């Protein structure tokens, strides 16, 4: 019988996901709005054109909504 090789990662890592489902939904919505040209940034209200900025806005909204998101790097 053939034996399975392990990929090096343990199964327990999958159970403790870094981002929760709420974070995924918020980022997905932000990306969708950015692609349509409807996502605006903070106080200035300028249209967001950067993919990274759209993700940051989505994660920030998820944090405020109480989703499971790691802390911001400072």
Protein backbone atom coordinates (compact mmCIF):
# COMPACT_ATOMS: atom_id res chain seq x y z
CA UNK A 1 0.00 0.00 0.00
CA UNK A 2 1.14 3.50 -0.76
CA UNK A 3 1.72 5.77 2.21
CA UNK A 4 0.63 9.37 2.25
CA UNK A 5 3.23 12.07 2.62
CA UNK A 6 2.49 14.89 4.99
CA UNK A 7 2.84 18.39 3.59
CA UNK A 8 4.71 19.52 6.71
CA UNK A 9 1.81 21.43 8.23
CA UNK A 10 -0.21 20.03 11.06
CA UNK A 11 -3.98 19.71 10.91
CA UNK A 12 -4.46 21.85 14.00
CA UNK A 13 -3.34 24.90 12.01
CA UNK A 14 -6.49 24.72 9.88
CA UNK A 15 -8.73 24.85 12.92
CA UNK A 16 -7.33 28.18 14.07
CA UNK A 17 -7.88 30.36 11.05
CA UNK A 18 -6.34 33.80 11.02
CA UNK A 19 -9.36 35.54 9.51
CA UNK A 20 -12.98 34.79 10.28
CA UNK A 21 -15.83 34.58 7.74
CA UNK A 22 -16.98 38.13 8.53
CA UNK A 23 -13.58 39.47 7.45
CA UNK A 24 -13.83 37.61 4.15
CA UNK A 25 -17.28 39.02 3.43
CA UNK A 26 -16.20 42.60 4.21
CA UNK A 27 -13.08 42.35 2.02
CA UNK A 28 -15.10 40.76 -0.77
CA UNK A 29 -17.62 43.62 -0.64
CA UNK A 30 -14.86 46.26 -0.59
CA UNK A 31 -13.15 44.67 -3.61
CA UNK A 32 -16.45 44.54 -5.48
CA UNK A 33 -17.07 48.23 -4.80
CA UNK A 34 -13.51 49.12 -5.78
CA UNK A 35 -13.87 47.34 -9.11
CA UNK A 36 -17.09 49.28 -9.78
CA UNK A 37 -15.39 52.56 -8.82
CA UNK A 38 -17.70 53.12 -5.84
CA UNK A 39 -15.31 52.54 -2.93
CA UNK A 40 -14.27 55.77 -1.22
CA UNK A 41 -11.53 56.30 1.33
CA UNK A 42 -11.90 57.91 4.76
CA UNK A 43 -12.42 61.63 5.22
CA UNK A 44 -11.19 62.77 1.83
CA UNK A 45 -13.79 60.63 0.05
CA UNK A 46 -11.44 59.98 -2.88
CA UNK A 47 -12.07 56.92 -5.02
CA UNK A 48 -9.89 53.95 -4.07
CA UNK A 49 -7.86 52.54 -6.98
CA UNK A 50 -5.39 50.31 -5.14
CA UNK A 51 -6.19 46.65 -4.46
CA UNK A 52 -4.18 46.76 -1.21
CA UNK A 53 -6.11 49.79 -0.02
CA UNK A 54 -9.43 48.06 -0.74
CA UNK A 55 -8.34 45.03 1.31
CA UNK A 56 -7.22 47.31 4.17
CA UNK A 57 -10.62 49.07 4.17
CA UNK A 58 -12.44 45.71 4.23
CA UNK A 59 -10.35 44.41 7.14
CA UNK A 60 -10.81 47.67 9.03
CA UNK A 61 -14.59 47.42 8.65
CA UNK A 62 -14.48 43.78 9.80
CA UNK A 63 -12.52 44.83 12.91
CA UNK A 64 -15.10 47.49 13.76
CA UNK A 65 -17.89 44.94 13.25
CA UNK A 66 -16.21 42.56 15.71
CA UNK A 67 -14.90 40.00 13.22
CA UNK A 68 -11.90 37.77 13.80
CA UNK A 69 -9.05 39.79 12.30
CA UNK A 70 -5.41 39.99 13.49
CA UNK A 71 -4.23 43.29 14.96
CA UNK A 72 -2.85 45.99 12.70
CA UNK A 73 0.93 46.12 12.30
CA UNK A 74 2.37 49.39 13.57
